[in-house]
């Protein structure tokens, strides 16, 4: 494996970073020839893989304005997106978001690492957490006007569920590939 420190930097890497526009949650930037989007104020995301004791994965669906349709996703939320939670630990945000969105409380959150969702266009990263020891404590549905629908799907039937959602016109978050895993390579 090549050492990262020994690789030469590509053209644009040393160019100044220009802010083209900034909103409350996102910033559009330009560096050399590249235009991309980043989260404002250092906000990042926590994504939760929640599988209960009966091998059902907990998924959410909600309308996503950029897509113009509902999207099936792993539960997720922003870390430190409000003043009252600025600087919070990502595992605390993940536990809070899981409960708000799905109604499940995790006895333990395991950090599986940092990942990047669309690195050619977005600098955003997310921390992936595995929720353990799930207990249903509420209905979920999110806060304010999130309008989240919770789905509890048997892992053994995830391929069929995804195919049915696709046929029905739902958008499918790329992180669902995690659930299909090695089966896609066979």
N, C-alpha and C. Protein backbone atom coordinates (compact mmCIF):
# COMPACT_ATOMS: atom_id res chain seq x y z
N UNK A 1 0.84 -1.17 0.00
CA UNK A 1 0.00 0.00 0.00
C UNK A 1 0.89 1.24 0.00
N UNK A 2 0.54 2.23 -0.79
CA UNK A 2 1.32 3.46 -0.91
C UNK A 2 1.13 4.34 0.31
N UNK A 3 2.21 4.92 0.79
CA UNK A 3 2.14 5.86 1.91
C UNK A 3 1.52 7.16 1.42
N UNK A 4 0.52 7.64 2.12
CA UNK A 4 -0.18 8.87 1.75
C UNK A 4 0.78 10.05 1.68
N UNK A 5 1.72 10.15 2.61
CA UNK A 5 2.64 11.28 2.67
C UNK A 5 3.56 11.36 1.45
N UNK A 6 3.77 10.23 0.75
CA UNK A 6 4.71 10.25 -0.38
C UNK A 6 4.03 10.59 -1.71
N UNK A 7 2.71 10.69 -1.73
CA UNK A 7 2.01 11.00 -2.97
C UNK A 7 2.07 12.50 -3.25
N UNK A 8 2.30 12.87 -4.51
CA UNK A 8 2.31 14.32 -4.85
C UNK A 8 0.88 14.88 -4.80
N UNK A 9 0.77 16.15 -4.45
CA UNK A 9 -0.53 16.80 -4.43
C UNK A 9 -0.96 17.13 -5.86
N UNK A 10 -2.24 16.94 -6.17
CA UNK A 10 -2.72 17.28 -7.51
C UNK A 10 -2.79 18.79 -7.70
N UNK A 11 -2.98 19.29 -8.94
CA UNK A 11 -3.05 20.74 -9.21
C UNK A 11 -4.13 21.37 -8.33
N UNK A 12 -4.77 22.13 -8.13
CA UNK A 12 -5.87 22.64 -7.30
C UNK A 12 -5.72 22.44 -5.79
N UNK A 13 -4.93 21.48 -5.34
CA UNK A 13 -4.83 21.20 -3.90
C UNK A 13 -4.26 22.37 -3.11
N UNK A 14 -3.34 23.12 -3.72
CA UNK A 14 -2.72 24.26 -3.03
C UNK A 14 -3.41 25.59 -3.33
N UNK A 15 -4.48 25.56 -4.12
CA UNK A 15 -5.21 26.78 -4.43
C UNK A 15 -5.97 27.27 -3.19
N UNK A 16 -6.24 28.56 -3.10
CA UNK A 16 -7.00 29.07 -1.95
C UNK A 16 -8.45 28.58 -1.99
N UNK A 17 -9.02 28.38 -0.83
CA UNK A 17 -10.40 27.95 -0.68
C UNK A 17 -11.28 29.20 -0.62
N UNK A 18 -12.18 29.35 -1.59
CA UNK A 18 -13.06 30.52 -1.64
C UNK A 18 -14.48 30.12 -1.26
N UNK A 19 -15.11 30.90 -0.40
CA UNK A 19 -16.52 30.68 -0.09
C UNK A 19 -17.34 31.43 -1.13
N UNK A 20 -18.17 30.70 -1.85
CA UNK A 20 -19.01 31.29 -2.89
C UNK A 20 -20.35 31.74 -2.30
N UNK A 21 -20.88 30.97 -1.36
CA UNK A 21 -22.15 31.27 -0.70
C UNK A 21 -22.19 30.47 0.60
N UNK A 22 -22.80 31.04 1.64
CA UNK A 22 -22.92 30.33 2.91
C UNK A 22 -24.31 30.53 3.49
N UNK A 23 -24.93 29.44 3.87
CA UNK A 23 -26.22 29.46 4.55
C UNK A 23 -26.05 28.98 5.97
N UNK A 24 -27.15 28.68 6.62
CA UNK A 24 -27.11 28.23 8.01
C UNK A 24 -26.47 26.84 8.15
N UNK A 25 -26.70 25.98 7.16
CA UNK A 25 -26.24 24.60 7.28
C UNK A 25 -25.21 24.18 6.22
N UNK A 26 -25.16 24.86 5.08
CA UNK A 26 -24.21 24.47 4.03
C UNK A 26 -23.44 25.68 3.51
N UNK A 27 -22.29 25.38 2.93
CA UNK A 27 -21.44 26.39 2.31
C UNK A 27 -21.02 25.86 0.94
N UNK A 28 -21.12 26.70 -0.09
CA UNK A 28 -20.58 26.30 -1.40
C UNK A 28 -19.20 26.93 -1.52
N UNK A 29 -18.26 26.16 -1.99
CA UNK A 29 -16.86 26.57 -2.03
C UNK A 29 -16.27 26.33 -3.40
N UNK A 30 -15.14 27.01 -3.64
CA UNK A 30 -14.39 26.79 -4.87
C UNK A 30 -12.91 26.75 -4.50
N UNK A 31 -12.22 25.78 -5.05
CA UNK A 31 -10.76 25.66 -4.89
C UNK A 31 -10.20 25.31 -6.25
N UNK A 32 -9.53 26.27 -6.86
CA UNK A 32 -9.05 26.05 -8.22
C UNK A 32 -10.22 25.84 -9.16
N UNK A 33 -10.22 24.72 -9.87
CA UNK A 33 -11.30 24.38 -10.80
C UNK A 33 -12.48 23.72 -10.13
N UNK A 34 -12.33 23.27 -8.86
CA UNK A 34 -13.34 22.47 -8.18
C UNK A 34 -14.35 23.33 -7.45
N UNK A 35 -15.62 23.03 -7.65
CA UNK A 35 -16.71 23.60 -6.85
C UNK A 35 -17.27 22.46 -6.02
N UNK A 36 -17.54 22.73 -4.74
CA UNK A 36 -18.08 21.68 -3.88
C UNK A 36 -18.87 22.30 -2.74
N UNK A 37 -19.52 21.46 -1.99
CA UNK A 37 -20.36 21.87 -0.87
C UNK A 37 -19.78 21.29 0.41
N UNK A 38 -19.84 22.08 1.48
CA UNK A 38 -19.44 21.58 2.80
C UNK A 38 -20.51 21.95 3.81
N UNK A 39 -20.48 21.31 4.94
CA UNK A 39 -21.36 21.69 6.04
C UNK A 39 -20.81 22.96 6.66
N UNK A 40 -21.69 23.85 7.04
CA UNK A 40 -21.28 25.10 7.70
C UNK A 40 -20.96 24.83 9.17
N UNK A 41 -20.13 25.65 9.74
CA UNK A 41 -19.83 25.66 11.17
C UNK A 41 -19.25 24.34 11.69
N UNK A 42 -18.62 23.55 10.84
CA UNK A 42 -18.00 22.31 11.30
C UNK A 42 -18.98 21.20 11.65
N UNK A 43 -20.23 21.36 11.27
CA UNK A 43 -21.25 20.34 11.55
C UNK A 43 -20.93 19.10 10.72
N UNK A 44 -21.13 17.94 11.32
CA UNK A 44 -21.03 16.70 10.55
C UNK A 44 -22.20 15.80 10.94
N UNK A 45 -22.27 14.63 10.36
CA UNK A 45 -23.42 13.77 10.55
C UNK A 45 -23.05 12.50 11.31
N UNK A 46 -24.06 11.93 11.94
CA UNK A 46 -23.95 10.61 12.57
C UNK A 46 -25.01 9.73 11.91
N UNK A 47 -24.60 8.55 11.45
CA UNK A 47 -25.49 7.60 10.80
C UNK A 47 -25.51 6.35 11.67
N UNK A 48 -26.69 5.76 11.81
CA UNK A 48 -26.84 4.66 12.76
C UNK A 48 -27.31 3.39 12.06
N UNK A 49 -26.55 2.32 12.23
CA UNK A 49 -26.94 0.98 11.81
C UNK A 49 -27.57 0.32 13.03
N UNK A 50 -28.88 0.13 13.00
CA UNK A 50 -29.61 -0.41 14.14
C UNK A 50 -30.28 -1.72 13.73
N UNK A 51 -29.80 -2.81 14.30
CA UNK A 51 -30.36 -4.13 14.04
C UNK A 51 -30.80 -4.68 15.39
N UNK A 52 -32.08 -5.05 15.50
CA UNK A 52 -32.60 -5.51 16.80
C UNK A 52 -32.25 -6.98 17.06
N UNK A 53 -32.66 -7.47 18.21
CA UNK A 53 -32.33 -8.84 18.63
C UNK A 53 -32.95 -9.90 17.73
N UNK A 54 -33.99 -9.54 16.97
CA UNK A 54 -34.63 -10.49 16.05
C UNK A 54 -34.12 -10.34 14.62
N UNK A 55 -32.96 -9.69 14.45
CA UNK A 55 -32.34 -9.49 13.13
C UNK A 55 -33.21 -8.70 12.16
N UNK A 56 -33.84 -7.65 12.67
CA UNK A 56 -34.57 -6.68 11.85
C UNK A 56 -33.77 -5.39 11.88
N UNK A 57 -33.59 -4.79 10.71
CA UNK A 57 -32.91 -3.51 10.62
C UNK A 57 -33.97 -2.41 10.72
N UNK A 58 -33.63 -1.35 11.42
CA UNK A 58 -34.53 -0.22 11.60
C UNK A 58 -34.14 0.84 10.57
N UNK A 59 -35.07 1.16 9.68
CA UNK A 59 -34.86 2.14 8.63
C UNK A 59 -35.89 3.26 8.76
N UNK A 60 -35.61 4.36 8.12
CA UNK A 60 -36.56 5.48 8.12
C UNK A 60 -36.84 5.89 6.69
N UNK A 61 -38.01 6.48 6.50
CA UNK A 61 -38.27 7.11 5.21
C UNK A 61 -38.85 8.48 5.47
N UNK A 62 -38.37 9.42 4.66
CA UNK A 62 -38.82 10.80 4.78
C UNK A 62 -38.68 11.50 3.44
N UNK A 63 -39.48 12.54 3.26
CA UNK A 63 -39.42 13.31 2.02
C UNK A 63 -38.13 14.11 2.01
N UNK A 64 -37.40 14.05 0.90
CA UNK A 64 -36.16 14.80 0.73
C UNK A 64 -36.33 15.81 -0.39
N UNK A 65 -36.35 17.08 -0.04
CA UNK A 65 -36.59 18.15 -1.00
C UNK A 65 -35.63 18.09 -2.19
N UNK A 66 -34.30 17.91 -2.00
CA UNK A 66 -33.41 17.89 -3.17
C UNK A 66 -33.75 16.78 -4.18
N UNK A 67 -34.37 15.70 -3.70
CA UNK A 67 -34.71 14.58 -4.58
C UNK A 67 -36.12 14.68 -5.12
N UNK A 68 -36.97 15.43 -4.44
CA UNK A 68 -38.36 15.56 -4.85
C UNK A 68 -39.18 14.32 -4.58
N UNK A 69 -38.74 13.49 -3.64
CA UNK A 69 -39.48 12.28 -3.29
C UNK A 69 -39.03 11.75 -1.94
N UNK A 70 -39.76 10.76 -1.46
CA UNK A 70 -39.40 10.13 -0.19
C UNK A 70 -38.17 9.24 -0.41
N UNK A 71 -37.38 9.09 0.65
CA UNK A 71 -36.13 8.35 0.57
C UNK A 71 -36.03 7.36 1.73
N UNK A 72 -35.61 6.16 1.43
CA UNK A 72 -35.37 5.14 2.46
C UNK A 72 -33.92 5.26 2.89
N UNK A 73 -33.71 5.33 4.21
CA UNK A 73 -32.38 5.63 4.74
C UNK A 73 -32.13 4.90 6.06
N UNK A 74 -30.86 4.82 6.42
CA UNK A 74 -30.51 4.49 7.80
C UNK A 74 -30.82 5.73 8.63
N UNK A 75 -31.22 5.57 9.89
CA UNK A 75 -31.43 6.74 10.73
C UNK A 75 -30.14 7.57 10.80
N UNK A 76 -30.28 8.88 10.86
CA UNK A 76 -29.11 9.75 10.88
C UNK A 76 -29.50 11.13 11.37
N UNK A 77 -28.51 11.90 11.72
CA UNK A 77 -28.76 13.28 12.12
C UNK A 77 -27.47 14.05 12.19
N UNK A 78 -27.62 15.35 12.39
CA UNK A 78 -26.46 16.24 12.46
C UNK A 78 -25.93 16.32 13.88
N UNK A 79 -24.63 16.45 13.98
CA UNK A 79 -23.94 16.57 15.26
C UNK A 79 -23.62 18.04 15.48
N UNK A 80 -24.09 18.60 16.59
CA UNK A 80 -23.77 19.98 16.94
C UNK A 80 -24.43 21.01 16.06
N UNK A 81 -25.64 20.69 15.54
CA UNK A 81 -26.29 21.61 14.61
C UNK A 81 -27.06 22.74 15.28
N UNK A 82 -27.24 22.69 16.59
CA UNK A 82 -27.92 23.75 17.32
C UNK A 82 -27.03 24.22 18.47
N UNK A 83 -27.20 25.46 18.87
CA UNK A 83 -26.36 26.03 19.93
C UNK A 83 -26.39 25.21 21.21
N UNK A 84 -27.55 24.64 21.56
CA UNK A 84 -27.65 23.89 22.81
C UNK A 84 -26.91 22.56 22.78
N UNK A 85 -26.47 22.12 21.59
CA UNK A 85 -25.71 20.86 21.49
C UNK A 85 -24.37 21.07 20.77
N UNK A 86 -23.93 22.30 20.65
CA UNK A 86 -22.65 22.58 20.00
C UNK A 86 -21.53 21.86 20.73
N UNK A 87 -20.65 21.23 19.97
CA UNK A 87 -19.51 20.53 20.57
C UNK A 87 -19.84 19.16 21.14
N UNK A 88 -21.05 18.68 20.94
CA UNK A 88 -21.42 17.38 21.52
C UNK A 88 -20.65 16.24 20.86
N UNK A 89 -20.49 15.16 21.58
CA UNK A 89 -19.86 13.96 21.07
C UNK A 89 -20.79 13.31 20.05
N UNK A 90 -20.23 12.80 18.97
CA UNK A 90 -21.04 12.20 17.90
C UNK A 90 -21.86 11.02 18.40
N UNK A 91 -21.35 10.25 19.37
CA UNK A 91 -22.11 9.10 19.87
C UNK A 91 -23.37 9.55 20.62
N UNK A 92 -23.30 10.69 21.30
CA UNK A 92 -24.47 11.23 22.00
C UNK A 92 -25.51 11.67 20.96
N UNK A 93 -25.05 12.36 19.92
CA UNK A 93 -25.96 12.79 18.85
C UNK A 93 -26.60 11.57 18.17
N UNK A 94 -25.81 10.54 17.92
CA UNK A 94 -26.33 9.34 17.27
C UNK A 94 -27.42 8.70 18.11
N UNK A 95 -27.19 8.58 19.40
CA UNK A 95 -28.20 7.98 20.30
C UNK A 95 -29.46 8.83 20.32
N UNK A 96 -29.30 10.15 20.40
CA UNK A 96 -30.45 11.05 20.42
C UNK A 96 -31.25 10.95 19.13
N UNK A 97 -30.55 10.99 17.99
CA UNK A 97 -31.23 10.92 16.70
C UNK A 97 -31.94 9.59 16.49
N UNK A 98 -31.32 8.49 16.91
CA UNK A 98 -31.95 7.19 16.79
C UNK A 98 -33.29 7.18 17.53
N UNK A 99 -33.29 7.68 18.75
CA UNK A 99 -34.52 7.69 19.55
C UNK A 99 -35.56 8.64 18.96
N UNK A 100 -35.14 9.84 18.56
CA UNK A 100 -36.08 10.81 17.98
C UNK A 100 -36.72 10.28 16.70
N UNK A 101 -35.90 9.71 15.82
CA UNK A 101 -36.39 9.29 14.52
C UNK A 101 -37.14 7.96 14.55
N UNK A 102 -36.67 7.02 15.37
CA UNK A 102 -37.22 5.66 15.30
C UNK A 102 -37.97 5.20 16.54
N UNK A 103 -37.77 5.88 17.67
CA UNK A 103 -38.38 5.43 18.92
C UNK A 103 -37.61 4.32 19.61
N UNK A 104 -36.39 4.01 19.12
CA UNK A 104 -35.56 2.97 19.74
C UNK A 104 -34.43 3.62 20.53
N UNK A 105 -34.21 3.08 21.73
CA UNK A 105 -33.10 3.51 22.58
C UNK A 105 -32.00 2.44 22.47
N UNK A 106 -30.76 2.88 22.29
CA UNK A 106 -29.63 1.95 22.22
C UNK A 106 -28.95 1.88 23.57
N UNK A 107 -28.69 0.68 24.03
CA UNK A 107 -27.95 0.50 25.27
C UNK A 107 -26.48 0.87 25.11
N UNK A 108 -26.00 0.74 23.87
CA UNK A 108 -24.60 1.06 23.60
C UNK A 108 -24.46 1.44 22.12
N UNK A 109 -23.60 2.44 21.87
CA UNK A 109 -23.31 2.86 20.50
C UNK A 109 -21.83 2.55 20.21
N UNK A 110 -21.58 1.83 19.13
CA UNK A 110 -20.22 1.48 18.73
C UNK A 110 -19.84 2.31 17.50
N UNK A 111 -18.74 3.04 17.59
CA UNK A 111 -18.28 3.87 16.49
C UNK A 111 -17.54 2.99 15.48
N UNK A 112 -18.06 2.93 14.26
CA UNK A 112 -17.46 2.10 13.20
C UNK A 112 -16.54 2.91 12.28
N UNK A 113 -16.41 4.21 12.53
CA UNK A 113 -15.47 5.01 11.76
C UNK A 113 -16.12 6.15 10.99
N UNK A 114 -15.25 6.92 10.35
CA UNK A 114 -15.68 8.08 9.57
C UNK A 114 -15.67 7.72 8.09
N UNK A 115 -16.71 8.16 7.38
CA UNK A 115 -16.86 7.88 5.96
C UNK A 115 -17.29 9.15 5.23
N UNK A 116 -17.10 9.17 3.92
CA UNK A 116 -17.46 10.32 3.09
C UNK A 116 -18.50 9.85 2.07
N UNK A 117 -19.57 10.62 1.93
CA UNK A 117 -20.71 10.16 1.14
C UNK A 117 -20.59 10.40 -0.36
N UNK A 118 -20.06 11.50 -0.80
CA UNK A 118 -19.94 11.81 -2.22
C UNK A 118 -18.73 12.71 -2.39
N UNK A 119 -17.50 12.16 -2.25
CA UNK A 119 -16.30 12.98 -2.13
C UNK A 119 -15.91 13.81 -3.34
N UNK A 120 -16.52 13.60 -4.48
CA UNK A 120 -16.22 14.43 -5.63
C UNK A 120 -17.01 15.73 -5.65
N UNK A 121 -18.02 15.83 -4.78
CA UNK A 121 -18.89 17.00 -4.79
C UNK A 121 -19.13 17.58 -3.40
N UNK A 122 -19.01 16.77 -2.36
CA UNK A 122 -19.35 17.19 -1.00
C UNK A 122 -18.21 16.79 -0.07
N UNK A 123 -17.77 17.72 0.77
CA UNK A 123 -16.70 17.40 1.71
C UNK A 123 -17.23 16.77 3.00
N UNK A 124 -18.55 16.66 3.13
CA UNK A 124 -19.16 16.15 4.35
C UNK A 124 -18.71 14.72 4.66
N UNK A 125 -18.46 14.49 5.93
CA UNK A 125 -18.20 13.14 6.41
C UNK A 125 -19.31 12.77 7.38
N UNK A 126 -19.41 11.48 7.64
CA UNK A 126 -20.32 11.03 8.68
C UNK A 126 -19.64 9.95 9.50
N UNK A 127 -19.99 9.91 10.76
CA UNK A 127 -19.53 8.84 11.64
C UNK A 127 -20.61 7.77 11.64
N UNK A 128 -20.21 6.54 11.35
CA UNK A 128 -21.16 5.43 11.33
C UNK A 128 -21.13 4.74 12.70
N UNK A 129 -22.31 4.59 13.28
CA UNK A 129 -22.43 3.93 14.59
C UNK A 129 -23.30 2.69 14.45
N UNK A 130 -22.91 1.65 15.18
CA UNK A 130 -23.74 0.45 15.30
C UNK A 130 -24.44 0.54 16.66
N UNK A 131 -25.77 0.52 16.63
CA UNK A 131 -26.56 0.57 17.86
C UNK A 131 -26.74 -0.85 18.39
N UNK A 132 -26.45 -1.02 19.66
CA UNK A 132 -26.58 -2.34 20.31
C UNK A 132 -27.65 -2.27 21.40
N UNK A 133 -28.21 -3.43 21.73
CA UNK A 133 -29.15 -3.55 22.85
C UNK A 133 -30.33 -2.60 22.69
N UNK A 134 -31.02 -2.71 21.57
CA UNK A 134 -32.14 -1.82 21.27
C UNK A 134 -33.36 -2.13 22.11
N UNK A 135 -34.02 -1.06 22.56
CA UNK A 135 -35.27 -1.16 23.30
C UNK A 135 -36.24 -0.14 22.70
N UNK A 136 -37.44 -0.59 22.35
CA UNK A 136 -38.46 0.32 21.80
C UNK A 136 -39.02 1.14 22.96
N UNK A 137 -38.87 2.47 22.86
CA UNK A 137 -39.33 3.36 23.94
C UNK A 137 -40.35 4.39 23.47
N UNK A 138 -40.61 4.44 22.17
CA UNK A 138 -41.55 5.41 21.64
C UNK A 138 -41.89 5.11 20.20
N UNK A 139 -42.64 6.02 19.60
CA UNK A 139 -43.09 5.83 18.22
C UNK A 139 -42.09 6.31 17.18
N UNK A 140 -41.21 7.24 17.57
CA UNK A 140 -40.30 7.82 16.58
C UNK A 140 -41.03 8.85 15.75
N UNK A 141 -40.58 9.07 14.55
CA UNK A 141 -41.22 10.03 13.66
C UNK A 141 -40.48 11.35 13.56
N UNK A 142 -39.46 11.55 14.37
CA UNK A 142 -38.68 12.77 14.31
C UNK A 142 -39.26 13.89 15.14
N UNK A 143 -38.70 15.06 14.96
CA UNK A 143 -39.13 16.26 15.68
C UNK A 143 -39.64 17.29 14.68
N UNK A 144 -40.34 18.27 15.20
CA UNK A 144 -40.88 19.36 14.39
C UNK A 144 -41.67 18.79 13.21
N UNK A 145 -41.27 19.10 12.00
CA UNK A 145 -42.03 18.68 10.82
C UNK A 145 -41.27 17.64 10.00
N UNK A 146 -40.50 16.78 10.67
CA UNK A 146 -39.69 15.80 9.92
C UNK A 146 -40.54 14.76 9.19
N UNK A 147 -41.69 14.37 9.73
CA UNK A 147 -42.59 13.42 9.06
C UNK A 147 -41.87 12.13 8.67
N UNK A 148 -41.19 11.53 9.64
CA UNK A 148 -40.43 10.31 9.41
C UNK A 148 -41.31 9.09 9.65
N UNK A 149 -41.24 8.13 8.73
CA UNK A 149 -41.92 6.85 8.88
C UNK A 149 -40.86 5.81 9.20
N UNK A 150 -41.09 5.00 10.21
CA UNK A 150 -40.14 3.99 10.66
C UNK A 150 -40.49 2.65 10.02
N UNK A 151 -39.46 1.95 9.53
CA UNK A 151 -39.63 0.62 8.96
C UNK A 151 -38.72 -0.35 9.72
N UNK A 152 -39.27 -1.48 10.11
CA UNK A 152 -38.52 -2.56 10.75
C UNK A 152 -38.55 -3.73 9.77
N UNK A 153 -37.38 -4.01 9.16
CA UNK A 153 -37.31 -4.95 8.04
C UNK A 153 -36.40 -6.12 8.41
N UNK A 154 -36.85 -7.36 8.18
CA UNK A 154 -35.95 -8.50 8.42
C UNK A 154 -34.73 -8.42 7.52
N UNK A 155 -33.55 -8.60 8.09
CA UNK A 155 -32.33 -8.56 7.26
C UNK A 155 -32.40 -9.59 6.14
N UNK A 156 -33.01 -10.73 6.41
CA UNK A 156 -33.12 -11.78 5.39
C UNK A 156 -33.98 -11.33 4.20
N UNK A 157 -34.81 -10.32 4.38
CA UNK A 157 -35.68 -9.85 3.31
C UNK A 157 -35.32 -8.47 2.79
N UNK A 158 -34.11 -7.99 3.10
CA UNK A 158 -33.76 -6.61 2.74
C UNK A 158 -33.68 -6.41 1.23
N UNK A 159 -33.19 -7.39 0.49
CA UNK A 159 -33.11 -7.24 -0.97
C UNK A 159 -34.50 -7.07 -1.58
N UNK A 160 -35.44 -7.86 -1.12
CA UNK A 160 -36.81 -7.77 -1.63
C UNK A 160 -37.44 -6.43 -1.24
N UNK A 161 -37.22 -5.99 0.00
CA UNK A 161 -37.77 -4.71 0.44
C UNK A 161 -37.22 -3.56 -0.40
N UNK A 162 -35.92 -3.57 -0.64
CA UNK A 162 -35.30 -2.52 -1.45
C UNK A 162 -35.85 -2.54 -2.87
N UNK A 163 -36.02 -3.73 -3.44
CA UNK A 163 -36.58 -3.85 -4.79
C UNK A 163 -38.01 -3.30 -4.84
N UNK A 164 -38.80 -3.57 -3.81
CA UNK A 164 -40.18 -3.07 -3.76
C UNK A 164 -40.20 -1.55 -3.62
N UNK A 165 -39.34 -1.00 -2.77
CA UNK A 165 -39.28 0.46 -2.62
C UNK A 165 -38.86 1.11 -3.94
N UNK A 166 -37.87 0.52 -4.59
CA UNK A 166 -37.41 1.07 -5.87
C UNK A 166 -38.55 1.06 -6.89
N UNK A 167 -39.27 -0.05 -6.97
CA UNK A 167 -40.40 -0.17 -7.91
C UNK A 167 -41.49 0.85 -7.59
N UNK A 168 -41.67 1.17 -6.31
CA UNK A 168 -42.70 2.13 -5.89
C UNK A 168 -42.26 3.58 -6.09
N UNK A 169 -41.00 3.81 -6.51
CA UNK A 169 -40.54 5.15 -6.81
C UNK A 169 -39.80 5.86 -5.68
N UNK A 170 -39.46 5.14 -4.63
CA UNK A 170 -38.69 5.74 -3.54
C UNK A 170 -37.24 5.97 -3.99
N UNK A 171 -36.61 6.99 -3.42
CA UNK A 171 -35.17 7.15 -3.54
C UNK A 171 -34.54 6.23 -2.50
N UNK A 172 -33.34 5.75 -2.78
CA UNK A 172 -32.64 4.85 -1.87
C UNK A 172 -31.28 5.44 -1.54
N UNK A 173 -31.06 5.70 -0.26
CA UNK A 173 -29.79 6.26 0.18
C UNK A 173 -28.67 5.26 -0.09
N UNK A 174 -27.53 5.75 -0.56
CA UNK A 174 -26.39 4.89 -0.90
C UNK A 174 -25.92 4.05 0.30
N UNK A 175 -26.15 4.53 1.52
CA UNK A 175 -25.70 3.78 2.69
C UNK A 175 -26.46 2.46 2.87
N UNK A 176 -27.56 2.28 2.13
CA UNK A 176 -28.26 0.99 2.17
C UNK A 176 -27.41 -0.13 1.58
N UNK A 177 -26.41 0.23 0.77
CA UNK A 177 -25.50 -0.78 0.23
C UNK A 177 -24.83 -1.58 1.35
N UNK A 178 -24.67 -0.94 2.51
CA UNK A 178 -24.10 -1.62 3.67
C UNK A 178 -24.91 -2.87 4.01
N UNK A 179 -26.22 -2.82 3.82
CA UNK A 179 -27.08 -3.95 4.15
C UNK A 179 -27.04 -5.05 3.09
N UNK A 180 -26.66 -4.69 1.87
CA UNK A 180 -26.60 -5.68 0.80
C UNK A 180 -25.22 -6.35 0.78
N UNK A 181 -24.21 -5.60 1.15
CA UNK A 181 -22.85 -6.11 1.32
C UNK A 181 -22.36 -7.07 0.27
N UNK A 182 -21.73 -8.12 0.73
CA UNK A 182 -21.05 -9.08 -0.15
C UNK A 182 -22.03 -9.80 -1.07
N UNK A 183 -23.32 -9.80 -0.74
CA UNK A 183 -24.30 -10.47 -1.61
C UNK A 183 -24.29 -9.86 -3.01
N UNK A 184 -23.91 -8.59 -3.11
CA UNK A 184 -23.89 -7.92 -4.42
C UNK A 184 -22.72 -8.41 -5.27
N UNK A 185 -21.69 -8.98 -4.65
CA UNK A 185 -20.51 -9.43 -5.38
C UNK A 185 -20.62 -10.86 -5.88
N UNK A 186 -21.61 -11.59 -5.35
CA UNK A 186 -21.73 -13.01 -5.68
C UNK A 186 -22.34 -13.30 -6.99
